[in-house]
Amino acid sequence: MLRVSLTRLIINFKTIKIGPKRFFVRKAPREKINEQINYPQIRVIDDDGSQLGILTSLQALQIARERETDLVEIAPLANPPVCKIMDYGKFQYQQSKIKQGGKAKQKKVETKGIRIGFRTDVHDLEFKKNQAEKFLKKGNCVRIEIQLKGREKAHQHLARTNLEKFLKSISFPYRKEQEIKRMPGGFNILIVPE
């Protein structure tokens, strides 16, 4: 008897379909416009920036309709809340332009990588040094890695000294963003221009 009910439970469990997890993105709160504004009193600012005084939301909405514009809430936390009579489409366009301008002004710093080996020759080290200086002159961060393979991993102290010698050979002024750090395949360090 118990066995029959247990198998039914298993059969019922297998028939349940579990859908994919659904995530939702919470949208940023938008400004209240026109009829969405219901405060007993609001401070109203004209399109050109002059104050019209403290009015009821119905009076302000009526003025906005006469001028064929919108009533937009600017500062909801003020006492009384501040609303402006303006064209809402134009306001949204200006806000998006300000946002885009801020993104364009941000300087993107790239991290460039230079990889040297335990037994890299002098000429190759000179070439890598020039490459690191070029990256630093452009204002990029430089991650320098020294890789150890096979039996080289037994001589980690020599790899660390080779990396320190390479850093001393770089003539362009830099500062160490992080010290020499051990990684699974060797050592690395991050330097940035001063």
C-alpha atoms as a PDB file:
ATOM      1  CA  MET A   1       0.000   0.000   0.000  1.00  0.00           C
ATOM      2  CA  LEU A   2       2.725   2.429   0.948  1.00  0.00           C
ATOM      3  CA  ARG A   3       4.722   1.480  -2.114  1.00  0.00           C
ATOM      4  CA  VAL A   4       1.876   2.297  -4.508  1.00  0.00           C
ATOM      5  CA  SER A   5       1.382   5.764  -3.062  1.00  0.00           C
ATOM      6  CA  LEU A   6       5.120   6.399  -3.203  1.00  0.00           C
ATOM      7  CA  THR A   7       5.270   5.533  -6.920  1.00  0.00           C
ATOM      8  CA  ARG A   8       2.322   7.803  -7.612  1.00  0.00           C
ATOM      9  CA  LEU A   9       4.162  10.578  -5.843  1.00  0.00           C
ATOM     10  CA  ILE A  10       7.210  10.025  -8.026  1.00  0.00           C
ATOM     11  CA  ILE A  11       5.088   9.921 -11.189  1.00  0.00           C
ATOM     12  CA  ASN A  12       3.326  13.118 -10.206  1.00  0.00           C
ATOM     13  CA  PHE A  13       6.655  14.748  -9.403  1.00  0.00           C
ATOM     14  CA  LYS A  14       8.027  13.936 -12.859  1.00  0.00           C
ATOM     15  CA  THR A  15       5.031  15.431 -14.603  1.00  0.00           C
ATOM     16  CA  ILE A  16       5.557  18.824 -12.986  1.00  0.00           C
ATOM     17  CA  LYS A  17       7.274  21.105 -15.441  1.00  0.00           C
ATOM     18  CA  ILE A  18       9.513  23.739 -13.998  1.00  0.00           C
ATOM     19  CA  GLY A  19       9.937  26.701 -16.309  1.00  0.00           C
ATOM     20  CA  PRO A  20      13.054  28.825 -16.698  1.00  0.00           C
ATOM     21  CA  LYS A  21      13.840  31.426 -14.072  1.00  0.00           C
ATOM     22  CA  ARG A  22      12.552  34.766 -15.164  1.00  0.00           C
ATOM     23  CA  PHE A  23      14.293  37.893 -14.073  1.00  0.00           C
ATOM     24  CA  PHE A  24      12.798  41.315 -14.382  1.00  0.00           C
ATOM     25  CA  VAL A  25      14.577  44.602 -14.727  1.00  0.00           C
ATOM     26  CA  ARG A  26      13.244  47.301 -12.503  1.00  0.00           C
ATOM     27  CA  LYS A  27      12.809  50.501 -14.477  1.00  0.00           C
ATOM     28  CA  ALA A  28      13.887  53.818 -13.038  1.00  0.00           C
ATOM     29  CA  PRO A  29      11.014  55.942 -11.779  1.00  0.00           C
ATOM     30  CA  ARG A  30       9.915  58.493 -14.351  1.00  0.00           C
ATOM     31  CA  GLU A  31       8.720  62.014 -13.726  1.00  0.00           C
ATOM     32  CA  LYS A  32       5.036  62.527 -13.104  1.00  0.00           C
ATOM     33  CA  ILE A  33       3.325  64.560 -15.815  1.00  0.00           C
ATOM     34  CA  ASN A  34      -0.055  66.265 -16.195  1.00  0.00           C
ATOM     35  CA  GLU A  35      -2.848  64.246 -14.485  1.00  0.00           C
ATOM     36  CA  GLN A  36      -0.376  62.072 -12.580  1.00  0.00           C
ATOM     37  CA  ILE A  37       0.422  65.051 -10.343  1.00  0.00           C
ATOM     38  CA  ASN A  38      -2.124  65.222  -7.488  1.00  0.00           C
ATOM     39  CA  TYR A  39      -0.804  67.403  -4.713  1.00  0.00           C
ATOM     40  CA  PRO A  40      -2.974  69.975  -2.951  1.00  0.00           C
ATOM     41  CA  GLN A  41      -0.386  72.699  -3.613  1.00  0.00           C
ATOM     42  CA  ILE A  42       2.636  72.865  -5.907  1.00  0.00           C
ATOM     43  CA  ARG A  43       5.245  75.492  -6.719  1.00  0.00           C
ATOM     44  CA  VAL A  44       4.985  76.229 -10.432  1.00  0.00           C
ATOM     45  CA  ILE A  45       7.840  77.424 -12.638  1.00  0.00           C
ATOM     46  CA  ASP A  46       7.252  78.812 -16.118  1.00  0.00           C
ATOM     47  CA  ASP A  47       8.978  77.559 -19.281  1.00  0.00           C
ATOM     48  CA  ASP A  48      11.448  80.469 -19.203  1.00  0.00           C
ATOM     49  CA  GLY A  49      12.333  79.860 -15.518  1.00  0.00           C
ATOM     50  CA  SER A  50      10.194  82.526 -13.837  1.00  0.00           C
ATOM     51  CA  GLN A  51       8.077  81.475 -10.846  1.00  0.00           C
ATOM     52  CA  LEU A  52       4.312  81.592 -11.111  1.00  0.00           C
ATOM     53  CA  GLY A  53       3.909  80.967  -7.374  1.00  0.00           C
ATOM     54  CA  ILE A  54       2.181  78.286  -5.326  1.00  0.00           C
ATOM     55  CA  LEU A  55      -0.935  76.960  -7.072  1.00  0.00           C
ATOM     56  CA  THR A  56      -3.175  73.936  -6.867  1.00  0.00           C
ATOM     57  CA  SER A  57      -2.350  71.141  -9.284  1.00  0.00           C
ATOM     58  CA  LEU A  58      -5.613  71.742 -11.181  1.00  0.00           C
ATOM     59  CA  GLN A  59      -4.805  75.443 -11.715  1.00  0.00           C
ATOM     60  CA  ALA A  60      -1.283  74.616 -12.904  1.00  0.00           C
ATOM     61  CA  LEU A  61      -2.613  71.942 -15.249  1.00  0.00           C
ATOM     62  CA  GLN A  62      -5.125  74.407 -16.684  1.00  0.00           C
ATOM     63  CA  ILE A  63      -2.345  76.965 -17.358  1.00  0.00           C
ATOM     64  CA  ALA A  64      -0.253  74.251 -19.047  1.00  0.00           C
ATOM     65  CA  ARG A  65      -3.149  73.242 -21.299  1.00  0.00           C
ATOM     66  CA  GLU A  66      -3.794  76.871 -22.297  1.00  0.00           C
ATOM     67  CA  ARG A  67      -0.159  77.121 -23.428  1.00  0.00           C
ATOM     68  CA  GLU A  68      -0.353  73.676 -25.112  1.00  0.00           C
ATOM     69  CA  THR A  69       2.505  72.310 -22.999  1.00  0.00           C
ATOM     70  CA  ASP A  70       2.868  69.780 -20.180  1.00  0.00           C
ATOM     71  CA  LEU A  71       3.111  70.078 -16.410  1.00  0.00           C
ATOM     72  CA  VAL A  72       6.201  68.105 -15.326  1.00  0.00           C
ATOM     73  CA  GLU A  73       7.201  67.287 -11.750  1.00  0.00           C
ATOM     74  CA  ILE A  74      10.808  68.402 -11.201  1.00  0.00           C
ATOM     75  CA  ALA A  75      11.428  68.117  -7.430  1.00  0.00           C
ATOM     76  CA  PRO A  76       8.929  65.793  -5.713  1.00  0.00           C
ATOM     77  CA  LEU A  77      10.710  65.916  -2.341  1.00  0.00           C
ATOM     78  CA  ALA A  78      10.566  69.716  -1.977  1.00  0.00           C
ATOM     79  CA  ASN A  79       7.928  71.312   0.225  1.00  0.00           C
ATOM     80  CA  PRO A  80       5.706  72.076  -1.706  1.00  0.00           C
ATOM     81  CA  PRO A  81       6.729  69.909  -4.706  1.00  0.00           C
ATOM     82  CA  VAL A  82       8.150  71.834  -7.660  1.00  0.00           C
ATOM     83  CA  CYS A  83       6.602  71.434 -11.120  1.00  0.00           C
ATOM     84  CA  LYS A  84       7.522  73.112 -14.371  1.00  0.00           C
ATOM     85  CA  ILE A  85       5.386  74.026 -17.360  1.00  0.00           C
ATOM     86  CA  MET A  86       7.283  72.809 -20.445  1.00  0.00           C
ATOM     87  CA  ASP A  87       7.208  70.518 -23.458  1.00  0.00           C
ATOM     88  CA  TYR A  88       7.809  67.039 -22.006  1.00  0.00           C
ATOM     89  CA  GLY A  89       9.187  65.561 -25.250  1.00  0.00           C
ATOM     90  CA  LYS A  90      11.790  68.308 -25.439  1.00  0.00           C
ATOM     91  CA  PHE A  91      12.664  67.724 -21.769  1.00  0.00           C
ATOM     92  CA  GLN A  92      13.227  63.996 -22.369  1.00  0.00           C
ATOM     93  CA  TYR A  93      15.420  64.747 -25.384  1.00  0.00           C
ATOM     94  CA  GLN A  94      17.574  67.158 -23.356  1.00  0.00           C
ATOM     95  CA  GLN A  95      17.931  64.625 -20.529  1.00  0.00           C
ATOM     96  CA  SER A  96      19.071  61.914 -22.952  1.00  0.00           C
ATOM     97  CA  LYS A  97      21.619  64.289 -24.518  1.00  0.00           C
ATOM     98  CA  ILE A  98      23.010  65.162 -21.075  1.00  0.00           C
ATOM     99  CA  LYS A  99      23.304  61.460 -20.279  1.00  0.00           C
ATOM    100  CA  GLN A 100      25.073  60.730 -23.584  1.00  0.00           C
ATOM    101  CA  GLY A 101      27.429  63.667 -23.073  1.00  0.00           C
ATOM    102  CA  GLY A 102      28.465  62.293 -19.698  1.00  0.00           C
ATOM    103  CA  LYS A 103      29.235  58.908 -21.218  1.00  0.00           C
ATOM    104  CA  ALA A 104      31.287  60.457 -24.029  1.00  0.00           C
ATOM    105  CA  LYS A 105      33.430  62.471 -21.612  1.00  0.00           C
ATOM    106  CA  GLN A 106      34.435  59.409 -19.611  1.00  0.00           C
ATOM    107  CA  LYS A 107      37.892  58.315 -20.635  1.00  0.00           C
ATOM    108  CA  LYS A 108      38.142  54.595 -21.163  1.00  0.00           C
ATOM    109  CA  VAL A 109      41.396  53.182 -19.828  1.00  0.00           C
ATOM    110  CA  GLU A 110      42.450  49.920 -21.391  1.00  0.00           C
ATOM    111  CA  THR A 111      44.659  47.324 -19.777  1.00  0.00           C
ATOM    112  CA  LYS A 112      47.341  46.158 -22.187  1.00  0.00           C
ATOM    113  CA  GLY A 113      49.225  42.946 -21.577  1.00  0.00           C
ATOM    114  CA  ILE A 114      52.877  42.103 -22.101  1.00  0.00           C
ATOM    115  CA  ARG A 115      53.992  38.523 -21.645  1.00  0.00           C
ATOM    116  CA  ILE A 116      57.630  37.585 -21.218  1.00  0.00           C
ATOM    117  CA  GLY A 117      59.162  34.189 -20.659  1.00  0.00           C
ATOM    118  CA  PHE A 118      61.736  32.955 -18.177  1.00  0.00           C
ATOM    119  CA  ARG A 119      64.432  32.699 -20.853  1.00  0.00           C
ATOM    120  CA  THR A 120      63.430  35.623 -23.107  1.00  0.00           C
ATOM    121  CA  ASP A 121      66.447  37.006 -24.996  1.00  0.00           C
ATOM    122  CA  VAL A 122      67.860  40.535 -24.518  1.00  0.00           C
ATOM    123  CA  HIS A 123      66.619  41.902 -27.847  1.00  0.00           C
ATOM    124  CA  ASP A 124      63.112  40.576 -27.232  1.00  0.00           C
ATOM    125  CA  LEU A 125      63.113  42.137 -23.755  1.00  0.00           C
ATOM    126  CA  GLU A 126      64.153  45.463 -25.315  1.00  0.00           C
ATOM    127  CA  PHE A 127      61.271  45.208 -27.791  1.00  0.00           C
ATOM    128  CA  LYS A 128      58.796  44.399 -24.990  1.00  0.00           C
ATOM    129  CA  LYS A 129      60.169  47.321 -22.927  1.00  0.00           C
ATOM    130  CA  ASN A 130      59.567  49.736 -25.830  1.00  0.00           C
ATOM    131  CA  GLN A 131      56.077  48.326 -26.226  1.00  0.00           C
ATOM    132  CA  ALA A 132      55.336  48.870 -22.502  1.00  0.00           C
ATOM    133  CA  GLU A 133      56.609  52.470 -22.696  1.00  0.00           C
ATOM    134  CA  LYS A 134      54.416  53.110 -25.741  1.00  0.00           C
ATOM    135  CA  PHE A 135      51.352  51.831 -23.866  1.00  0.00           C
ATOM    136  CA  LEU A 136      52.193  53.958 -20.816  1.00  0.00           C
ATOM    137  CA  LYS A 137      52.617  57.078 -22.996  1.00  0.00           C
ATOM    138  CA  LYS A 138      49.118  56.522 -24.374  1.00  0.00           C
ATOM    139  CA  GLY A 139      47.802  56.422 -20.788  1.00  0.00           C
ATOM    140  CA  ASN A 140      46.941  52.723 -20.661  1.00  0.00           C
ATOM    141  CA  CYS A 141      47.466  50.339 -17.754  1.00  0.00           C
ATOM    142  CA  VAL A 142      50.023  47.636 -18.483  1.00  0.00           C
ATOM    143  CA  ARG A 143      49.910  44.119 -17.032  1.00  0.00           C
ATOM    144  CA  ILE A 144      53.310  42.445 -17.295  1.00  0.00           C
ATOM    145  CA  GLU A 145      53.348  38.662 -16.939  1.00  0.00           C
ATOM    146  CA  ILE A 146      56.260  36.276 -16.718  1.00  0.00           C
ATOM    147  CA  GLN A 147      55.316  32.705 -17.532  1.00  0.00           C
ATOM    148  CA  LEU A 148      56.979  29.620 -16.114  1.00  0.00           C
ATOM    149  CA  LYS A 149      56.784  26.261 -17.847  1.00  0.00           C
ATOM    150  CA  GLY A 150      57.794  22.821 -16.653  1.00  0.00           C
ATOM    151  CA  ARG A 151      61.024  22.760 -14.603  1.00  0.00           C
ATOM    152  CA  GLU A 152      61.184  26.577 -14.630  1.00  0.00           C
ATOM    153  CA  LYS A 153      58.579  26.531 -11.844  1.00  0.00           C
ATOM    154  CA  ALA A 154      61.294  25.294  -9.462  1.00  0.00           C
ATOM    155  CA  HIS A 155      63.170  28.618  -9.906  1.00  0.00           C
ATOM    156  CA  GLN A 156      60.476  31.096  -8.960  1.00  0.00           C
ATOM    157  CA  HIS A 157      62.934  33.425  -7.216  1.00  0.00           C
ATOM    158  CA  LEU A 158      64.829  33.887 -10.505  1.00  0.00           C
ATOM    159  CA  ALA A 159      61.588  34.654 -12.347  1.00  0.00           C
ATOM    160  CA  ARG A 160      60.744  37.321  -9.761  1.00  0.00           C
ATOM    161  CA  THR A 161      64.193  38.939 -10.127  1.00  0.00           C
ATOM    162  CA  ASN A 162      63.862  38.864 -13.950  1.00  0.00           C
ATOM    163  CA  LEU A 163      60.520  40.655 -13.672  1.00  0.00           C
ATOM    164  CA  GLU A 164      62.018  43.256 -11.306  1.00  0.00           C
ATOM    165  CA  LYS A 165      64.929  43.836 -13.750  1.00  0.00           C
ATOM    166  CA  PHE A 166      62.438  44.305 -16.584  1.00  0.00           C
ATOM    167  CA  LEU A 167      60.522  46.872 -14.515  1.00  0.00           C
ATOM    168  CA  LYS A 168      63.745  48.788 -13.748  1.00  0.00           C
ATOM    169  CA  SER A 169      64.561  48.934 -17.468  1.00  0.00           C
ATOM    170  CA  ILE A 170      61.325  50.852 -18.235  1.00  0.00           C
ATOM    171  CA  SER A 171      62.325  54.527 -18.421  1.00  0.00           C
ATOM    172  CA  PHE A 172      58.827  56.070 -18.666  1.00  0.00           C
ATOM    173  CA  PRO A 173      57.572  57.162 -15.202  1.00  0.00           C
ATOM    174  CA  TYR A 174      55.024  54.734 -13.787  1.00  0.00           C
ATOM    175  CA  ARG A 175      53.632  53.588 -10.478  1.00  0.00           C
ATOM    176  CA  LYS A 176      52.759  50.084  -9.380  1.00  0.00           C
ATOM    177  CA  GLU A 177      48.998  49.628  -9.146  1.00  0.00           C
ATOM    178  CA  GLN A 178      49.565  46.254  -7.510  1.00  0.00           C
ATOM    179  CA  GLU A 179      52.744  44.558  -6.360  1.00  0.00           C
ATOM    180  CA  ILE A 180      54.248  41.491  -8.001  1.00  0.00           C
ATOM    181  CA  LYS A 181      51.657  38.782  -7.547  1.00  0.00           C
ATOM    182  CA  ARG A 182      51.978  35.026  -7.858  1.00  0.00           C
ATOM    183  CA  MET A 183      49.648  33.392 -10.364  1.00  0.00           C
ATOM    184  CA  PRO A 184      49.368  29.725 -11.377  1.00  0.00           C
ATOM    185  CA  GLY A 185      51.668  30.035 -14.402  1.00  0.00           C
ATOM    186  CA  GLY A 186      54.189  32.536 -12.998  1.00  0.00           C
ATOM    187  CA  PHE A 187      54.056  36.147 -11.786  1.00  0.00           C
ATOM    188  CA  ASN A 188      52.347  39.339 -12.887  1.00  0.00           C
ATOM    189  CA  ILE A 189      52.239  43.019 -11.985  1.00  0.00           C
ATOM    190  CA  LEU A 190      50.013  45.922 -12.997  1.00  0.00           C
ATOM    191  CA  ILE A 191      51.581  49.333 -13.661  1.00  0.00           C
ATOM    192  CA  VAL A 192      49.947  52.635 -14.598  1.00  0.00           C
ATOM    193  CA  PRO A 193      51.419  55.921 -15.861  1.00  0.00           C
ATOM    194  CA  GLU A 194      52.013  58.676 -13.289  1.00  0.00           C
END
